């Protein structure tokens, strides 16, 4: 993936980086992109970097928006995606709403991790879902610059797995403690 697709370089007018398009497609409700000849076809980039937002139609009444947020050392690109109304897109397109303000009117907002190798998307994962637009960290919103995350920001699989098993063990132990009777045990009948 070149700099022009990472979110930290200039993009050709109207193009959507492949990692952003993959994240948008993953979160779409209609499950397919419209063809250019279809009525209501939208596939456009609006605004200037670093505040640019990429838009695709998601049916006749909604659109998906996305922007690259950052990259981890393993090459995964993190993309903020959300759903807006078709009217919200028209306001954005016509300049009635600033690109930086569109996230306040969004819903179904998520941070996605997209891993691309040699121009092909290998993996997409939902990292975090934001219930309310105010929950989106300021560093992920435009006009924040593209972030080069460190390993410290995103722990490796071994750390995550270890934490998961520790939490699962603690929960299971707590359940057993609540179910078992407390106090001294009395011997049962002979067998």
C-alpha atoms as a PDB file:
ATOM      1  CA  UNK A   1       0.000   0.000   0.000  1.00  0.00           C
ATOM      2  CA  UNK A   2       1.510   3.310  -1.051  1.00  0.00           C
ATOM      3  CA  UNK A   3       1.404   6.595   0.801  1.00  0.00           C
ATOM      4  CA  UNK A   4      -1.471   7.757  -1.386  1.00  0.00           C
ATOM      5  CA  UNK A   5      -3.683   5.030   0.104  1.00  0.00           C
ATOM      6  CA  UNK A   6      -2.671   5.391   3.730  1.00  0.00           C
ATOM      7  CA  UNK A   7      -4.450   8.619   4.448  1.00  0.00           C
ATOM      8  CA  UNK A   8      -1.300  10.664   4.856  1.00  0.00           C
ATOM      9  CA  UNK A   9      -0.734  11.707   1.234  1.00  0.00           C
ATOM     10  CA  UNK A  10      -2.659  13.409  -1.552  1.00  0.00           C
ATOM     11  CA  UNK A  11      -5.347  11.330  -3.241  1.00  0.00           C
ATOM     12  CA  UNK A  12      -6.451  11.604  -6.840  1.00  0.00           C
ATOM     13  CA  UNK A  13      -9.788  13.423  -7.004  1.00  0.00           C
ATOM     14  CA  UNK A  14     -12.677  11.133  -6.107  1.00  0.00           C
ATOM     15  CA  UNK A  15     -10.641   7.999  -5.386  1.00  0.00           C
ATOM     16  CA  UNK A  16     -11.203   5.889  -2.280  1.00  0.00           C
ATOM     17  CA  UNK A  17      -8.226   4.010  -0.774  1.00  0.00           C
ATOM     18  CA  UNK A  18      -8.678   0.237  -1.012  1.00  0.00           C
ATOM     19  CA  UNK A  19      -8.413  -0.289   2.757  1.00  0.00           C
ATOM     20  CA  UNK A  20     -11.161   2.287   3.377  1.00  0.00           C
ATOM     21  CA  UNK A  21     -13.359   0.761   0.676  1.00  0.00           C
ATOM     22  CA  UNK A  22     -12.888  -2.705   2.232  1.00  0.00           C
ATOM     23  CA  UNK A  23     -13.897  -1.402   5.689  1.00  0.00           C
ATOM     24  CA  UNK A  24     -16.938   0.399   4.227  1.00  0.00           C
ATOM     25  CA  UNK A  25     -18.046  -2.742   2.380  1.00  0.00           C
ATOM     26  CA  UNK A  26     -17.665  -4.818   5.528  1.00  0.00           C
ATOM     27  CA  UNK A  27     -19.979  -2.565   7.553  1.00  0.00           C
ATOM     28  CA  UNK A  28     -22.550  -1.861   4.795  1.00  0.00           C
ATOM     29  CA  UNK A  29     -26.107  -3.019   5.322  1.00  0.00           C
ATOM     30  CA  UNK A  30     -26.900  -3.666   1.634  1.00  0.00           C
ATOM     31  CA  UNK A  31     -23.849  -5.945   1.237  1.00  0.00           C
ATOM     32  CA  UNK A  32     -22.986  -4.787  -2.278  1.00  0.00           C
ATOM     33  CA  UNK A  33     -21.659  -1.662  -3.893  1.00  0.00           C
ATOM     34  CA  UNK A  34     -23.797  -0.037  -6.568  1.00  0.00           C
ATOM     35  CA  UNK A  35     -22.598  -0.007 -10.153  1.00  0.00           C
ATOM     36  CA  UNK A  36     -21.854   3.407 -11.704  1.00  0.00           C
ATOM     37  CA  UNK A  37     -24.925   3.100 -13.943  1.00  0.00           C
ATOM     38  CA  UNK A  38     -27.266   2.420 -10.983  1.00  0.00           C
ATOM     39  CA  UNK A  39     -29.488   5.295  -9.808  1.00  0.00           C
ATOM     40  CA  UNK A  40     -28.200   6.670  -6.528  1.00  0.00           C
ATOM     41  CA  UNK A  41     -24.622   5.510  -7.152  1.00  0.00           C
ATOM     42  CA  UNK A  42     -22.185   7.267  -4.817  1.00  0.00           C
ATOM     43  CA  UNK A  43     -18.491   6.515  -4.508  1.00  0.00           C
ATOM     44  CA  UNK A  44     -16.556   9.699  -3.822  1.00  0.00           C
ATOM     45  CA  UNK A  45     -13.936  11.344  -1.615  1.00  0.00           C
ATOM     46  CA  UNK A  46     -14.839  14.772  -0.225  1.00  0.00           C
ATOM     47  CA  UNK A  47     -12.652  17.338   1.482  1.00  0.00           C
ATOM     48  CA  UNK A  48      -8.903  17.643   1.689  1.00  0.00           C
ATOM     49  CA  UNK A  49      -6.444  15.560   3.693  1.00  0.00           C
ATOM     50  CA  UNK A  50      -6.272  15.098   6.611  1.00  0.00           C
ATOM     51  CA  UNK A  51      -9.998  15.855   6.965  1.00  0.00           C
ATOM     52  CA  UNK A  52     -11.146  14.019   3.822  1.00  0.00           C
ATOM     53  CA  UNK A  53     -14.081  11.653   4.136  1.00  0.00           C
ATOM     54  CA  UNK A  54     -14.819   8.820   1.703  1.00  0.00           C
ATOM     55  CA  UNK A  55     -18.452   8.044   0.888  1.00  0.00           C
ATOM     56  CA  UNK A  56     -20.293   5.110  -0.736  1.00  0.00           C
ATOM     57  CA  UNK A  57     -24.024   4.592  -1.055  1.00  0.00           C
ATOM     58  CA  UNK A  58     -25.633   1.981   1.209  1.00  0.00           C
ATOM     59  CA  UNK A  59     -29.012   1.531  -0.375  1.00  0.00           C
ATOM     60  CA  UNK A  60     -31.250   4.389  -1.435  1.00  0.00           C
ATOM     61  CA  UNK A  61     -31.601   6.123   1.927  1.00  0.00           C
ATOM     62  CA  UNK A  62     -28.158   5.828   3.531  1.00  0.00           C
ATOM     63  CA  UNK A  63     -24.447   6.141   2.887  1.00  0.00           C
ATOM     64  CA  UNK A  64     -21.322   4.818   4.564  1.00  0.00           C
ATOM     65  CA  UNK A  65     -18.492   7.214   5.376  1.00  0.00           C
ATOM     66  CA  UNK A  66     -14.921   6.375   6.281  1.00  0.00           C
ATOM     67  CA  UNK A  67     -11.475   7.804   6.925  1.00  0.00           C
ATOM     68  CA  UNK A  68      -8.126   6.176   7.651  1.00  0.00           C
ATOM     69  CA  UNK A  69      -7.064   6.829  11.236  1.00  0.00           C
ATOM     70  CA  UNK A  70      -3.692   5.152  11.589  1.00  0.00           C
ATOM     71  CA  UNK A  71      -1.386   2.198  11.020  1.00  0.00           C
ATOM     72  CA  UNK A  72       0.235  -0.358  13.334  1.00  0.00           C
ATOM     73  CA  UNK A  73       3.782  -1.696  12.876  1.00  0.00           C
ATOM     74  CA  UNK A  74       2.390  -4.946  11.411  1.00  0.00           C
ATOM     75  CA  UNK A  75       0.866  -2.943   8.536  1.00  0.00           C
ATOM     76  CA  UNK A  76      -2.789  -2.984   9.634  1.00  0.00           C
ATOM     77  CA  UNK A  77      -4.594   0.239   8.754  1.00  0.00           C
ATOM     78  CA  UNK A  78      -7.259   1.424  11.166  1.00  0.00           C
ATOM     79  CA  UNK A  79     -10.320   2.983   9.534  1.00  0.00           C
ATOM     80  CA  UNK A  80     -13.175   4.874  11.181  1.00  0.00           C
ATOM     81  CA  UNK A  81     -16.464   4.053   9.442  1.00  0.00           C
ATOM     82  CA  UNK A  82     -20.039   5.171  10.065  1.00  0.00           C
ATOM     83  CA  UNK A  83     -23.481   5.352   8.533  1.00  0.00           C
ATOM     84  CA  UNK A  84     -25.185   8.628   7.536  1.00  0.00           C
ATOM     85  CA  UNK A  85     -28.427   9.473   5.792  1.00  0.00           C
ATOM     86  CA  UNK A  86     -28.512  10.211   2.079  1.00  0.00           C
ATOM     87  CA  UNK A  87     -29.644  13.707   3.083  1.00  0.00           C
ATOM     88  CA  UNK A  88     -26.525  14.053   5.252  1.00  0.00           C
ATOM     89  CA  UNK A  89     -24.408  13.118   2.221  1.00  0.00           C
ATOM     90  CA  UNK A  90     -26.217  15.737   0.092  1.00  0.00           C
ATOM     91  CA  UNK A  91     -25.502  18.392   2.743  1.00  0.00           C
ATOM     92  CA  UNK A  92     -21.856  17.349   2.773  1.00  0.00           C
ATOM     93  CA  UNK A  93     -21.600  17.292  -1.018  1.00  0.00           C
ATOM     94  CA  UNK A  94     -23.296  20.686  -1.395  1.00  0.00           C
ATOM     95  CA  UNK A  95     -21.092  22.311   1.273  1.00  0.00           C
ATOM     96  CA  UNK A  96     -23.977  22.861   3.702  1.00  0.00           C
ATOM     97  CA  UNK A  97     -22.134  20.746   6.282  1.00  0.00           C
ATOM     98  CA  UNK A  98     -18.394  20.709   6.973  1.00  0.00           C
ATOM     99  CA  UNK A  99     -16.535  17.438   6.476  1.00  0.00           C
ATOM    100  CA  UNK A 100     -15.370  17.663  10.081  1.00  0.00           C
ATOM    101  CA  UNK A 101     -18.978  17.879  11.352  1.00  0.00           C
ATOM    102  CA  UNK A 102     -20.467  14.873   9.529  1.00  0.00           C
ATOM    103  CA  UNK A 103     -19.322  12.449  12.246  1.00  0.00           C
ATOM    104  CA  UNK A 104     -21.670  14.161  14.724  1.00  0.00           C
ATOM    105  CA  UNK A 105     -24.662  13.073  12.612  1.00  0.00           C
ATOM    106  CA  UNK A 106     -23.413   9.522  12.109  1.00  0.00           C
ATOM    107  CA  UNK A 107     -24.592   6.230  13.552  1.00  0.00           C
ATOM    108  CA  UNK A 108     -23.267   2.664  13.652  1.00  0.00           C
ATOM    109  CA  UNK A 109     -19.738   4.059  14.012  1.00  0.00           C
ATOM    110  CA  UNK A 110     -16.873   1.563  14.239  1.00  0.00           C
ATOM    111  CA  UNK A 111     -13.112   1.393  14.187  1.00  0.00           C
ATOM    112  CA  UNK A 112     -11.993  -1.310  11.752  1.00  0.00           C
ATOM    113  CA  UNK A 113      -8.566  -2.881  11.245  1.00  0.00           C
ATOM    114  CA  UNK A 114      -7.746  -3.765   7.636  1.00  0.00           C
ATOM    115  CA  UNK A 115      -4.678  -5.791   6.736  1.00  0.00           C
ATOM    116  CA  UNK A 116      -3.612  -5.564   3.100  1.00  0.00           C
ATOM    117  CA  UNK A 117      -0.775  -7.429   1.372  1.00  0.00           C
ATOM    118  CA  UNK A 118       0.364  -6.575  -2.155  1.00  0.00           C
ATOM    119  CA  UNK A 119      -2.846  -4.684  -2.880  1.00  0.00           C
ATOM    120  CA  UNK A 120      -5.153  -7.480  -1.648  1.00  0.00           C
ATOM    121  CA  UNK A 121      -7.129  -7.243   1.586  1.00  0.00           C
ATOM    122  CA  UNK A 122      -6.183 -10.262   3.697  1.00  0.00           C
ATOM    123  CA  UNK A 123      -8.174  -9.567   6.846  1.00  0.00           C
ATOM    124  CA  UNK A 124     -10.740  -7.154   8.280  1.00  0.00           C
ATOM    125  CA  UNK A 125     -11.640  -6.941  11.966  1.00  0.00           C
ATOM    126  CA  UNK A 126     -14.004  -4.873  14.051  1.00  0.00           C
ATOM    127  CA  UNK A 127     -11.816  -3.266  16.717  1.00  0.00           C
ATOM    128  CA  UNK A 128     -14.360  -1.120  18.517  1.00  0.00           C
ATOM    129  CA  UNK A 129     -17.947   0.026  18.125  1.00  0.00           C
ATOM    130  CA  UNK A 130     -18.947   3.518  19.288  1.00  0.00           C
ATOM    131  CA  UNK A 131     -22.529   3.760  20.569  1.00  0.00           C
ATOM    132  CA  UNK A 132     -22.681   7.540  20.304  1.00  0.00           C
ATOM    133  CA  UNK A 133     -20.763  10.045  18.151  1.00  0.00           C
ATOM    134  CA  UNK A 134     -19.431  11.703  21.323  1.00  0.00           C
ATOM    135  CA  UNK A 135     -17.659   8.416  22.157  1.00  0.00           C
ATOM    136  CA  UNK A 136     -15.356   8.736  19.117  1.00  0.00           C
ATOM    137  CA  UNK A 137     -11.891   9.822  20.343  1.00  0.00           C
ATOM    138  CA  UNK A 138     -10.835  13.242  19.066  1.00  0.00           C
ATOM    139  CA  UNK A 139      -7.645  11.699  17.622  1.00  0.00           C
ATOM    140  CA  UNK A 140      -9.816   9.632  15.229  1.00  0.00           C
ATOM    141  CA  UNK A 141     -11.934  12.557  14.016  1.00  0.00           C
ATOM    142  CA  UNK A 142     -10.901  14.908  11.235  1.00  0.00           C
ATOM    143  CA  UNK A 143      -8.804  16.982  10.904  1.00  0.00           C
ATOM    144  CA  UNK A 144      -6.564  14.827  13.138  1.00  0.00           C
ATOM    145  CA  UNK A 145      -3.471  13.589  11.293  1.00  0.00           C
ATOM    146  CA  UNK A 146      -2.798   9.954  10.372  1.00  0.00           C
ATOM    147  CA  UNK A 147      -1.422   8.111  13.435  1.00  0.00           C
ATOM    148  CA  UNK A 148       1.550   5.742  13.414  1.00  0.00           C
ATOM    149  CA  UNK A 149       0.521   3.469  16.305  1.00  0.00           C
ATOM    150  CA  UNK A 150       3.188   1.646  18.315  1.00  0.00           C
ATOM    151  CA  UNK A 151       3.115  -1.940  19.592  1.00  0.00           C
ATOM    152  CA  UNK A 152       2.393  -0.448  23.006  1.00  0.00           C
ATOM    153  CA  UNK A 153      -0.869   1.034  21.669  1.00  0.00           C
ATOM    154  CA  UNK A 154      -1.997  -2.357  20.350  1.00  0.00           C
ATOM    155  CA  UNK A 155      -0.753  -5.385  22.341  1.00  0.00           C
ATOM    156  CA  UNK A 156       0.188  -8.521  20.433  1.00  0.00           C
ATOM    157  CA  UNK A 157      -1.981 -11.653  20.331  1.00  0.00           C
ATOM    158  CA  UNK A 158      -0.150 -13.334  23.235  1.00  0.00           C
ATOM    159  CA  UNK A 159      -0.934 -10.453  25.606  1.00  0.00           C
ATOM    160  CA  UNK A 160      -4.568 -10.344  24.469  1.00  0.00           C
ATOM    161  CA  UNK A 161      -4.946 -14.132  24.768  1.00  0.00           C
ATOM    162  CA  UNK A 162      -3.378 -14.139  28.241  1.00  0.00           C
ATOM    163  CA  UNK A 163      -5.678 -11.345  29.416  1.00  0.00           C
ATOM    164  CA  UNK A 164      -8.733 -13.120  27.913  1.00  0.00           C
ATOM    165  CA  UNK A 165      -7.964 -16.431  29.669  1.00  0.00           C
ATOM    166  CA  UNK A 166      -7.262 -14.675  32.986  1.00  0.00           C
ATOM    167  CA  UNK A 167     -10.605 -12.825  32.810  1.00  0.00           C
ATOM    168  CA  UNK A 168     -12.472 -16.017  31.800  1.00  0.00           C
ATOM    169  CA  UNK A 169     -10.861 -17.975  34.656  1.00  0.00           C
ATOM    170  CA  UNK A 170     -11.712 -15.231  37.169  1.00  0.00           C
ATOM    171  CA  UNK A 171     -15.359 -15.129  36.040  1.00  0.00           C
ATOM    172  CA  UNK A 172     -15.690 -18.930  36.165  1.00  0.00           C
ATOM    173  CA  UNK A 173     -14.101 -19.049  39.629  1.00  0.00           C
ATOM    174  CA  UNK A 174     -16.469 -16.356  40.889  1.00  0.00           C
ATOM    175  CA  UNK A 175     -19.479 -18.318  39.594  1.00  0.00           C
ATOM    176  CA  UNK A 176     -18.282 -21.509  41.302  1.00  0.00           C
ATOM    177  CA  UNK A 177     -17.740 -19.628  44.574  1.00  0.00           C
ATOM    178  CA  UNK A 178     -21.313 -18.297  44.473  1.00  0.00           C
ATOM    179  CA  UNK A 179     -22.833 -21.709  43.689  1.00  0.00           C
ATOM    180  CA  UNK A 180     -20.957 -23.846  46.200  1.00  0.00           C
ATOM    181  CA  UNK A 181     -22.127 -23.694  49.797  1.00  0.00           C
ATOM    182  CA  UNK A 182     -19.875 -21.883  52.225  1.00  0.00           C
ATOM    183  CA  UNK A 183     -18.566 -23.240  55.502  1.00  0.00           C
ATOM    184  CA  UNK A 184     -17.028 -26.534  56.558  1.00  0.00           C
ATOM    185  CA  UNK A 185     -17.784 -29.522  54.427  1.00  0.00           C
ATOM    186  CA  UNK A 186     -19.387 -32.518  55.997  1.00  0.00           C
ATOM    187  CA  UNK A 187     -18.476 -35.944  54.765  1.00  0.00           C
ATOM    188  CA  UNK A 188     -21.020 -37.569  52.510  1.00  0.00           C
ATOM    189  CA  UNK A 189     -22.496 -41.050  52.942  1.00  0.00           C
ATOM    190  CA  UNK A 190     -20.076 -43.929  52.459  1.00  0.00           C
ATOM    191  CA  UNK A 191     -19.943 -45.321  49.004  1.00  0.00           C
END
